[in-house]
């Protein structure tokens, strides 16, 4: 289902960027904004679990994601069995002209929840960038419960919060 919805969103994006006379695409900086906030699992959206808004800033060499101070459980909801949450960010770069792509290593923040109010300080994650590429940043919430053998993941088909945080063209060639 998510693949079908995502394909539909991409088809709309491509159709809006197509220049009919030349049969070329104009991928302006704003063209990819339509993908921002796309929820891969509409039955367990990130926006119902994570209420703090990560900020994305860019320079010529880097992309910084700042997750503001979190007040648990107000800013991050946990399922009934959830004791830990890993908020994972991944950045992918796509060179549309040369058909090249690169997914950077996932960076994450782990939050252990003991069912008491908790404050997590602002966290910054840094990724390298490449001029002229399409940049896509995803956020995924991985929840765990504690067992005698260690952490056990509780994400499943009906509960797997993942979304596109931001997509944009990085200026340059």
N, C-alpha and C. Protein backbone atom coordinates (compact mmCIF):
# COMPACT_ATOMS: atom_id res chain seq x y z
N UNK A 1 0.82 -1.19 0.00
CA UNK A 1 0.00 0.00 0.00
C UNK A 1 0.87 1.26 0.00
N UNK A 2 1.92 1.29 0.83
CA UNK A 2 2.79 2.47 0.89
C UNK A 2 3.49 2.69 -0.44
N UNK A 3 3.90 1.61 -1.10
CA UNK A 3 4.57 1.74 -2.39
C UNK A 3 3.64 2.38 -3.41
N UNK A 4 2.40 1.96 -3.43
CA UNK A 4 1.42 2.53 -4.36
C UNK A 4 1.20 4.01 -4.09
N UNK A 5 1.04 4.38 -2.82
CA UNK A 5 0.83 5.79 -2.49
C UNK A 5 2.06 6.62 -2.82
N UNK A 6 3.25 6.08 -2.53
CA UNK A 6 4.49 6.81 -2.81
C UNK A 6 4.71 6.96 -4.32
N UNK A 7 4.41 5.93 -5.08
CA UNK A 7 4.51 6.01 -6.54
C UNK A 7 3.56 7.07 -7.08
N UNK A 8 2.35 7.13 -6.54
CA UNK A 8 1.39 8.15 -6.95
C UNK A 8 1.89 9.56 -6.66
N UNK A 9 2.47 9.77 -5.48
CA UNK A 9 3.03 11.08 -5.13
C UNK A 9 4.16 11.46 -6.08
N UNK A 10 5.01 10.48 -6.41
CA UNK A 10 6.11 10.76 -7.34
C UNK A 10 5.61 11.05 -8.74
N UNK A 11 4.57 10.37 -9.18
CA UNK A 11 3.99 10.65 -10.50
C UNK A 11 3.45 12.08 -10.56
N UNK A 12 2.76 12.53 -9.50
CA UNK A 12 2.28 13.91 -9.46
C UNK A 12 3.45 14.90 -9.52
N UNK A 13 4.48 14.61 -8.75
CA UNK A 13 5.66 15.48 -8.73
C UNK A 13 6.30 15.55 -10.11
N UNK A 14 6.50 14.42 -10.75
CA UNK A 14 7.13 14.39 -12.08
C UNK A 14 6.28 15.12 -13.11
N UNK A 15 4.97 14.90 -13.08
CA UNK A 15 4.08 15.57 -14.03
C UNK A 15 4.12 17.08 -13.85
N UNK A 16 4.21 17.55 -12.60
CA UNK A 16 4.24 18.99 -12.37
C UNK A 16 5.57 19.61 -12.78
N UNK A 17 6.65 18.82 -12.83
CA UNK A 17 7.97 19.34 -13.20
C UNK A 17 8.27 19.19 -14.69
N UNK A 18 7.42 18.49 -15.43
CA UNK A 18 7.66 18.25 -16.85
C UNK A 18 7.40 19.50 -17.68
N UNK A 19 8.37 19.86 -18.51
CA UNK A 19 8.21 20.97 -19.45
C UNK A 19 7.81 20.34 -20.78
N UNK A 20 6.54 20.54 -21.16
CA UNK A 20 5.97 19.87 -22.32
C UNK A 20 6.70 20.10 -23.63
N UNK A 21 7.10 21.36 -23.89
CA UNK A 21 7.74 21.68 -25.17
C UNK A 21 9.05 20.95 -25.38
N UNK A 22 9.84 20.79 -24.33
CA UNK A 22 11.16 20.18 -24.45
C UNK A 22 11.22 18.75 -23.92
N UNK A 23 10.14 18.31 -23.27
CA UNK A 23 10.09 16.99 -22.65
C UNK A 23 11.26 16.79 -21.67
N UNK A 24 11.59 17.86 -20.96
CA UNK A 24 12.60 17.81 -19.90
C UNK A 24 11.93 18.18 -18.59
N UNK A 25 12.65 17.99 -17.51
CA UNK A 25 12.10 18.29 -16.19
C UNK A 25 12.79 19.51 -15.59
N UNK A 26 12.02 20.31 -14.86
CA UNK A 26 12.56 21.44 -14.11
C UNK A 26 12.39 21.10 -12.63
N UNK A 27 13.45 20.58 -12.04
CA UNK A 27 13.41 20.23 -10.63
C UNK A 27 13.91 21.41 -9.81
N UNK A 28 13.07 22.43 -9.72
CA UNK A 28 13.44 23.59 -8.91
C UNK A 28 13.53 23.16 -7.45
N UNK A 29 14.06 24.04 -6.65
CA UNK A 29 14.25 23.72 -5.23
C UNK A 29 12.93 23.33 -4.57
N UNK A 30 11.81 23.95 -4.98
CA UNK A 30 10.53 23.69 -4.34
C UNK A 30 9.80 22.47 -4.90
N UNK A 31 10.26 21.91 -6.00
CA UNK A 31 9.53 20.82 -6.66
C UNK A 31 9.31 19.62 -5.75
N UNK A 32 10.24 19.34 -4.87
CA UNK A 32 10.16 18.14 -4.05
C UNK A 32 9.48 18.36 -2.71
N UNK A 33 9.05 19.58 -2.43
CA UNK A 33 8.35 19.87 -1.17
C UNK A 33 7.11 19.01 -0.98
N UNK A 34 6.53 18.53 -2.08
CA UNK A 34 5.32 17.71 -1.99
C UNK A 34 5.55 16.41 -1.22
N UNK A 35 6.79 15.98 -1.16
CA UNK A 35 7.10 14.73 -0.44
C UNK A 35 7.34 14.94 1.05
N UNK A 36 7.55 16.20 1.47
CA UNK A 36 7.80 16.47 2.88
C UNK A 36 6.62 16.02 3.73
N UNK A 37 6.91 15.23 4.74
CA UNK A 37 5.85 14.75 5.63
C UNK A 37 5.13 13.51 5.15
N UNK A 38 5.56 12.93 4.03
CA UNK A 38 4.91 11.71 3.53
C UNK A 38 5.05 10.59 4.56
N UNK A 39 3.93 10.04 4.98
CA UNK A 39 3.90 8.95 5.97
C UNK A 39 3.87 7.61 5.22
N UNK A 40 4.85 6.75 5.47
CA UNK A 40 4.88 5.46 4.82
C UNK A 40 3.80 4.54 5.36
N UNK A 41 3.50 4.62 6.63
CA UNK A 41 2.47 3.77 7.23
C UNK A 41 1.36 4.68 7.76
N UNK A 42 0.30 4.83 6.98
CA UNK A 42 -0.76 5.77 7.38
C UNK A 42 -1.52 5.30 8.62
N UNK A 43 -1.39 4.03 8.99
CA UNK A 43 -2.07 3.53 10.19
C UNK A 43 -1.27 3.80 11.46
N UNK A 44 0.01 4.11 11.33
CA UNK A 44 0.83 4.46 12.50
C UNK A 44 1.77 5.60 12.11
N UNK A 45 1.22 6.78 11.89
CA UNK A 45 2.05 7.90 11.43
C UNK A 45 3.00 8.42 12.50
N UNK A 46 4.14 8.89 12.04
CA UNK A 46 5.14 9.49 12.92
C UNK A 46 4.51 10.67 13.66
N UNK A 47 3.68 11.44 12.98
CA UNK A 47 3.10 12.65 13.58
C UNK A 47 2.20 12.36 14.78
N UNK A 48 1.78 11.11 14.95
CA UNK A 48 0.99 10.75 16.14
C UNK A 48 1.86 10.26 17.29
N UNK A 49 3.15 10.07 17.04
CA UNK A 49 4.07 9.58 18.06
C UNK A 49 5.08 10.65 18.48
N UNK A 50 5.58 11.40 17.49
CA UNK A 50 6.63 12.39 17.75
C UNK A 50 6.04 13.78 17.51
N UNK A 51 5.95 14.57 18.57
CA UNK A 51 5.33 15.89 18.48
C UNK A 51 6.34 17.02 18.37
N UNK A 52 7.60 16.75 18.61
CA UNK A 52 8.65 17.76 18.43
C UNK A 52 9.05 17.77 16.96
N UNK A 53 9.26 18.94 16.40
CA UNK A 53 9.60 19.06 14.99
C UNK A 53 11.10 19.19 14.80
N UNK A 54 11.75 18.19 14.18
CA UNK A 54 13.18 18.32 13.88
C UNK A 54 13.41 19.47 12.90
N UNK A 55 14.53 20.20 13.07
CA UNK A 55 14.88 21.29 12.17
C UNK A 55 16.04 20.84 11.28
N UNK A 56 15.94 21.15 10.00
CA UNK A 56 16.98 20.79 9.05
C UNK A 56 17.62 22.08 8.53
N UNK A 57 18.95 22.18 8.64
CA UNK A 57 19.68 23.31 8.08
C UNK A 57 20.79 22.77 7.20
N UNK A 58 21.14 23.55 6.18
CA UNK A 58 22.17 23.10 5.25
C UNK A 58 23.24 24.16 5.08
N UNK A 59 24.44 23.68 4.81
CA UNK A 59 25.56 24.52 4.38
C UNK A 59 26.08 23.87 3.11
N UNK A 60 27.16 24.42 2.55
CA UNK A 60 27.72 23.83 1.33
C UNK A 60 28.24 22.42 1.55
N UNK A 61 28.69 22.12 2.77
CA UNK A 61 29.32 20.82 3.02
C UNK A 61 28.51 19.88 3.90
N UNK A 62 27.48 20.38 4.59
CA UNK A 62 26.83 19.53 5.58
C UNK A 62 25.34 19.84 5.73
N UNK A 63 24.65 18.85 6.23
CA UNK A 63 23.24 19.00 6.60
C UNK A 63 23.16 18.67 8.07
N UNK A 64 22.52 19.55 8.81
CA UNK A 64 22.38 19.35 10.26
C UNK A 64 20.90 19.15 10.57
N UNK A 65 20.62 18.11 11.35
CA UNK A 65 19.27 17.87 11.85
C UNK A 65 19.32 18.11 13.35
N UNK A 66 18.49 19.03 13.81
CA UNK A 66 18.43 19.34 15.25
C UNK A 66 17.09 18.87 15.78
N UNK A 67 17.13 17.94 16.69
CA UNK A 67 15.92 17.48 17.37
C UNK A 67 15.83 18.29 18.65
N UNK A 68 14.76 19.11 18.79
CA UNK A 68 14.69 19.98 19.97
C UNK A 68 14.57 19.17 21.26
N UNK A 69 14.72 19.87 22.36
CA UNK A 69 14.55 19.24 23.67
C UNK A 69 13.22 18.50 23.71
N UNK A 70 13.26 17.27 24.18
CA UNK A 70 12.06 16.44 24.26
C UNK A 70 11.62 16.29 25.71
N UNK A 71 10.35 16.47 25.93
CA UNK A 71 9.74 16.23 27.24
C UNK A 71 8.90 14.95 27.11
N UNK A 72 9.40 13.88 27.69
CA UNK A 72 8.76 12.57 27.58
C UNK A 72 7.79 12.43 28.74
N UNK A 73 6.57 12.04 28.58
CA UNK A 73 5.93 11.46 27.41
C UNK A 73 5.15 12.46 26.55
N UNK A 74 5.27 13.77 26.81
CA UNK A 74 4.49 14.75 26.06
C UNK A 74 4.91 14.82 24.59
N UNK A 75 6.20 14.86 24.30
CA UNK A 75 6.70 15.06 22.94
C UNK A 75 6.94 13.77 22.16
N UNK A 76 7.01 12.66 22.87
CA UNK A 76 7.22 11.36 22.22
C UNK A 76 6.35 10.35 22.92
N UNK A 77 5.41 9.77 22.19
CA UNK A 77 4.50 8.78 22.76
C UNK A 77 5.10 7.38 22.63
N UNK A 78 4.85 6.57 23.64
CA UNK A 78 5.32 5.19 23.65
C UNK A 78 4.12 4.25 23.62
N UNK A 79 4.21 3.14 22.88
CA UNK A 79 3.16 2.14 22.96
C UNK A 79 3.18 1.48 24.35
N UNK A 80 2.12 0.77 24.68
CA UNK A 80 1.97 0.19 26.03
C UNK A 80 3.19 -0.63 26.45
N UNK A 81 3.75 -1.43 25.54
CA UNK A 81 4.89 -2.28 25.87
C UNK A 81 6.24 -1.58 25.69
N UNK A 82 6.24 -0.38 25.16
CA UNK A 82 7.48 0.29 24.80
C UNK A 82 8.28 0.79 25.98
N UNK A 83 9.53 0.41 26.04
CA UNK A 83 10.45 0.88 27.08
C UNK A 83 11.57 1.73 26.48
N UNK A 84 11.90 1.47 25.23
CA UNK A 84 12.95 2.21 24.53
C UNK A 84 12.43 2.63 23.16
N UNK A 85 12.94 3.76 22.70
CA UNK A 85 12.63 4.20 21.35
C UNK A 85 13.92 4.69 20.71
N UNK A 86 14.17 4.22 19.50
CA UNK A 86 15.29 4.72 18.72
C UNK A 86 14.69 5.57 17.61
N UNK A 87 15.01 6.87 17.65
CA UNK A 87 14.59 7.78 16.59
C UNK A 87 15.73 7.80 15.58
N UNK A 88 15.48 7.25 14.40
CA UNK A 88 16.53 7.08 13.40
C UNK A 88 16.31 8.01 12.22
N UNK A 89 17.38 8.66 11.81
CA UNK A 89 17.36 9.55 10.65
C UNK A 89 18.31 8.98 9.60
N UNK A 90 17.85 8.97 8.35
CA UNK A 90 18.74 8.56 7.27
C UNK A 90 18.65 9.59 6.16
N UNK A 91 19.79 9.87 5.57
CA UNK A 91 19.90 10.84 4.49
C UNK A 91 20.36 10.10 3.24
N UNK A 92 19.65 10.33 2.13
CA UNK A 92 20.04 9.76 0.85
C UNK A 92 20.25 10.90 -0.14
N UNK A 93 21.28 10.77 -0.95
CA UNK A 93 21.59 11.75 -1.98
C UNK A 93 21.40 11.11 -3.35
N UNK A 94 20.79 11.86 -4.27
CA UNK A 94 20.53 11.37 -5.62
C UNK A 94 21.04 12.41 -6.62
N UNK A 95 21.98 12.01 -7.46
CA UNK A 95 22.46 12.86 -8.55
C UNK A 95 21.60 12.50 -9.76
N UNK A 96 20.59 13.31 -10.04
CA UNK A 96 19.62 12.99 -11.09
C UNK A 96 20.23 13.07 -12.48
N UNK A 97 21.28 13.83 -12.64
CA UNK A 97 21.90 13.98 -13.96
C UNK A 97 22.78 12.78 -14.30
N UNK A 98 23.50 12.25 -13.31
CA UNK A 98 24.44 11.15 -13.56
C UNK A 98 23.93 9.79 -13.06
N UNK A 99 22.69 9.74 -12.61
CA UNK A 99 22.06 8.48 -12.15
C UNK A 99 22.85 7.82 -11.03
N UNK A 100 23.24 8.60 -10.05
CA UNK A 100 24.04 8.13 -8.92
C UNK A 100 23.24 8.36 -7.64
N UNK A 101 23.34 7.41 -6.70
CA UNK A 101 22.67 7.59 -5.41
C UNK A 101 23.57 7.06 -4.31
N UNK A 102 23.38 7.66 -3.13
CA UNK A 102 24.19 7.25 -1.98
C UNK A 102 23.37 7.44 -0.72
N UNK A 103 23.20 6.37 0.03
CA UNK A 103 22.51 6.45 1.33
C UNK A 103 23.57 6.48 2.41
N UNK A 104 23.53 7.53 3.21
CA UNK A 104 24.50 7.65 4.29
C UNK A 104 24.08 6.76 5.46
N UNK A 105 25.04 6.49 6.32
CA UNK A 105 24.77 5.64 7.48
C UNK A 105 23.71 6.29 8.37
N UNK A 106 22.80 5.48 8.85
CA UNK A 106 21.74 5.96 9.73
C UNK A 106 22.34 6.51 11.02
N UNK A 107 21.80 7.64 11.47
CA UNK A 107 22.18 8.21 12.76
C UNK A 107 20.93 8.21 13.63
N UNK A 108 21.11 7.93 14.92
CA UNK A 108 19.93 7.76 15.76
C UNK A 108 20.15 8.27 17.17
N UNK A 109 19.03 8.39 17.86
CA UNK A 109 18.99 8.80 19.26
C UNK A 109 18.17 7.73 19.98
N UNK A 110 18.71 7.17 21.05
CA UNK A 110 17.96 6.17 21.82
C UNK A 110 17.43 6.81 23.09
N UNK A 111 16.14 6.56 23.35
CA UNK A 111 15.50 7.11 24.54
C UNK A 111 14.93 5.96 25.34
N UNK A 112 15.36 5.85 26.60
CA UNK A 112 14.86 4.82 27.50
C UNK A 112 13.80 5.46 28.39
N UNK A 113 12.65 4.83 28.44
CA UNK A 113 11.51 5.41 29.15
C UNK A 113 11.14 4.53 30.33
N UNK A 114 11.08 5.11 31.52
CA UNK A 114 10.76 4.38 32.75
C UNK A 114 9.38 4.78 33.29
N UNK A 115 8.53 5.32 32.42
CA UNK A 115 7.17 5.73 32.79
C UNK A 115 7.16 6.85 33.83
N UNK A 116 8.19 7.68 33.80
CA UNK A 116 8.26 8.89 34.62
C UNK A 116 8.62 10.02 33.66
N UNK A 117 8.17 11.25 33.96
CA UNK A 117 8.56 12.36 33.09
C UNK A 117 10.08 12.45 32.94
N UNK A 118 10.51 12.75 31.73
CA UNK A 118 11.93 12.74 31.39
C UNK A 118 12.19 13.86 30.39
N UNK A 119 13.31 14.55 30.51
CA UNK A 119 13.69 15.57 29.54
C UNK A 119 14.96 15.14 28.84
N UNK A 120 14.91 15.14 27.52
CA UNK A 120 16.06 14.80 26.69
C UNK A 120 16.57 16.10 26.08
N UNK A 121 17.85 16.45 26.27
CA UNK A 121 18.35 17.71 25.72
C UNK A 121 18.33 17.71 24.19
N UNK A 122 18.38 18.91 23.61
CA UNK A 122 18.44 19.03 22.14
C UNK A 122 19.61 18.20 21.63
N UNK A 123 19.37 17.54 20.51
CA UNK A 123 20.39 16.68 19.91
C UNK A 123 20.61 17.10 18.46
N UNK A 124 21.88 17.15 18.05
CA UNK A 124 22.21 17.48 16.66
C UNK A 124 22.88 16.30 15.99
N UNK A 125 22.47 16.07 14.75
CA UNK A 125 23.06 15.03 13.93
C UNK A 125 23.59 15.71 12.67
N UNK A 126 24.76 15.29 12.20
CA UNK A 126 25.37 15.93 11.03
C UNK A 126 25.63 14.90 9.94
N UNK A 127 25.30 15.30 8.72
CA UNK A 127 25.50 14.47 7.54
C UNK A 127 26.30 15.25 6.51
N UNK A 128 27.09 14.55 5.70
CA UNK A 128 27.79 15.19 4.58
C UNK A 128 26.82 15.40 3.44
N UNK A 129 27.15 16.33 2.55
CA UNK A 129 26.28 16.63 1.44
C UNK A 129 27.07 16.69 0.14
N UNK A 130 26.37 16.81 -0.96
CA UNK A 130 26.98 16.88 -2.28
C UNK A 130 26.20 17.91 -3.09
N UNK A 131 26.88 18.91 -3.62
CA UNK A 131 26.23 19.97 -4.39
C UNK A 131 25.47 19.39 -5.60
N UNK A 132 24.30 19.96 -5.87
CA UNK A 132 23.52 19.59 -7.05
C UNK A 132 22.71 18.31 -6.92
N UNK A 133 22.68 17.71 -5.75
CA UNK A 133 21.94 16.46 -5.56
C UNK A 133 20.57 16.69 -4.95
N UNK A 134 19.68 15.76 -5.21
CA UNK A 134 18.41 15.70 -4.49
C UNK A 134 18.73 15.04 -3.16
N UNK A 135 18.25 15.64 -2.09
CA UNK A 135 18.48 15.12 -0.75
C UNK A 135 17.15 14.67 -0.16
N UNK A 136 17.10 13.46 0.35
CA UNK A 136 15.92 12.94 1.02
C UNK A 136 16.28 12.50 2.43
N UNK A 137 15.52 12.98 3.40
CA UNK A 137 15.79 12.63 4.80
C UNK A 137 14.56 11.92 5.35
N UNK A 138 14.76 10.73 5.89
CA UNK A 138 13.65 9.99 6.50
C UNK A 138 13.85 9.91 8.00
N UNK A 139 12.73 9.76 8.70
CA UNK A 139 12.74 9.56 10.15
C UNK A 139 11.91 8.31 10.44
N UNK A 140 12.44 7.44 11.28
CA UNK A 140 11.76 6.21 11.65
C UNK A 140 11.83 6.06 13.16
N UNK A 141 10.74 5.60 13.75
CA UNK A 141 10.69 5.34 15.19
C UNK A 141 10.68 3.83 15.41
N UNK A 142 11.69 3.34 16.08
CA UNK A 142 11.81 1.91 16.40
C UNK A 142 11.60 1.75 17.90
N UNK A 143 10.57 1.00 18.27
CA UNK A 143 10.26 0.80 19.68
C UNK A 143 10.68 -0.60 20.13
N UNK A 144 11.08 -0.70 21.41
CA UNK A 144 11.54 -1.95 21.98
C UNK A 144 10.95 -2.14 23.36
N UNK A 145 10.82 -3.40 23.75
CA UNK A 145 10.48 -3.74 25.12
C UNK A 145 11.67 -4.51 25.68
N UNK A 146 11.82 -4.50 27.00
CA UNK A 146 12.94 -5.18 27.62
C UNK A 146 12.54 -6.60 28.01
N UNK A 147 13.41 -7.56 27.72
CA UNK A 147 13.20 -8.95 28.11
C UNK A 147 14.45 -9.43 28.83
N UNK A 148 14.39 -10.61 29.38
CA UNK A 148 15.56 -11.15 30.07
C UNK A 148 16.73 -11.34 29.11
N UNK A 149 16.46 -11.44 27.81
CA UNK A 149 17.52 -11.65 26.82
C UNK A 149 17.94 -10.35 26.14
N UNK A 150 17.41 -9.20 26.60
CA UNK A 150 17.75 -7.91 25.99
C UNK A 150 16.53 -7.27 25.36
N UNK A 151 16.76 -6.28 24.51
CA UNK A 151 15.67 -5.57 23.87
C UNK A 151 15.03 -6.39 22.77
N UNK A 152 13.70 -6.32 22.69
CA UNK A 152 12.94 -7.00 21.67
C UNK A 152 12.11 -5.96 20.93
N UNK A 153 12.30 -5.88 19.62
CA UNK A 153 11.56 -4.91 18.81
C UNK A 153 10.07 -5.19 18.82
N UNK A 154 9.28 -4.13 18.94
CA UNK A 154 7.82 -4.32 18.93
C UNK A 154 7.16 -3.67 17.71
N UNK A 155 7.97 -3.06 16.82
CA UNK A 155 7.39 -2.58 15.56
C UNK A 155 6.91 -3.79 14.78
N UNK A 156 5.85 -3.59 14.00
CA UNK A 156 5.26 -4.68 13.22
C UNK A 156 4.59 -4.09 11.99
N UNK A 157 3.97 -4.94 11.17
CA UNK A 157 3.25 -4.44 10.00
C UNK A 157 2.20 -3.40 10.38
N UNK A 158 1.37 -3.64 11.38
CA UNK A 158 0.37 -2.61 11.69
C UNK A 158 0.93 -1.42 12.48
N UNK A 159 2.16 -1.49 12.97
CA UNK A 159 2.73 -0.38 13.73
C UNK A 159 4.20 -0.22 13.35
N UNK A 160 4.46 0.75 12.46
CA UNK A 160 5.82 0.98 12.00
C UNK A 160 5.95 2.44 11.56
N UNK A 161 6.05 3.39 12.50
CA UNK A 161 6.08 4.79 12.14
C UNK A 161 7.35 5.18 11.36
N UNK A 162 7.14 5.65 10.14
CA UNK A 162 8.25 6.09 9.28
C UNK A 162 7.71 7.15 8.32
N UNK A 163 8.50 8.20 8.11
CA UNK A 163 8.06 9.30 7.25
C UNK A 163 9.24 9.97 6.57
N UNK A 164 8.94 10.71 5.52
CA UNK A 164 9.93 11.58 4.90
C UNK A 164 9.92 12.89 5.67
N UNK A 165 11.04 13.23 6.25
CA UNK A 165 11.14 14.48 6.99
C UNK A 165 11.25 15.65 6.02
N UNK A 166 12.14 15.53 5.03
CA UNK A 166 12.35 16.63 4.11
C UNK A 166 13.01 16.12 2.84
N UNK A 167 12.63 16.71 1.71
CA UNK A 167 13.26 16.44 0.42
C UNK A 167 13.50 17.77 -0.25
N UNK A 168 14.68 17.93 -0.80
CA UNK A 168 15.00 19.20 -1.45
C UNK A 168 16.24 19.05 -2.33
N UNK A 169 16.38 19.98 -3.27
CA UNK A 169 17.57 20.02 -4.12
C UNK A 169 18.63 20.85 -3.40
N UNK A 170 19.85 20.34 -3.40
CA UNK A 170 20.97 21.07 -2.85
C UNK A 170 21.53 21.93 -3.98
N UNK A 171 21.65 23.22 -3.77
CA UNK A 171 22.16 24.09 -4.85
C UNK A 171 23.53 23.65 -5.33
N UNK A 172 23.81 23.92 -6.60
CA UNK A 172 25.11 23.62 -7.18
C UNK A 172 25.02 22.61 -8.29
N UNK A 173 26.16 22.26 -8.82
CA UNK A 173 26.25 21.31 -9.94
C UNK A 173 26.82 19.99 -9.45
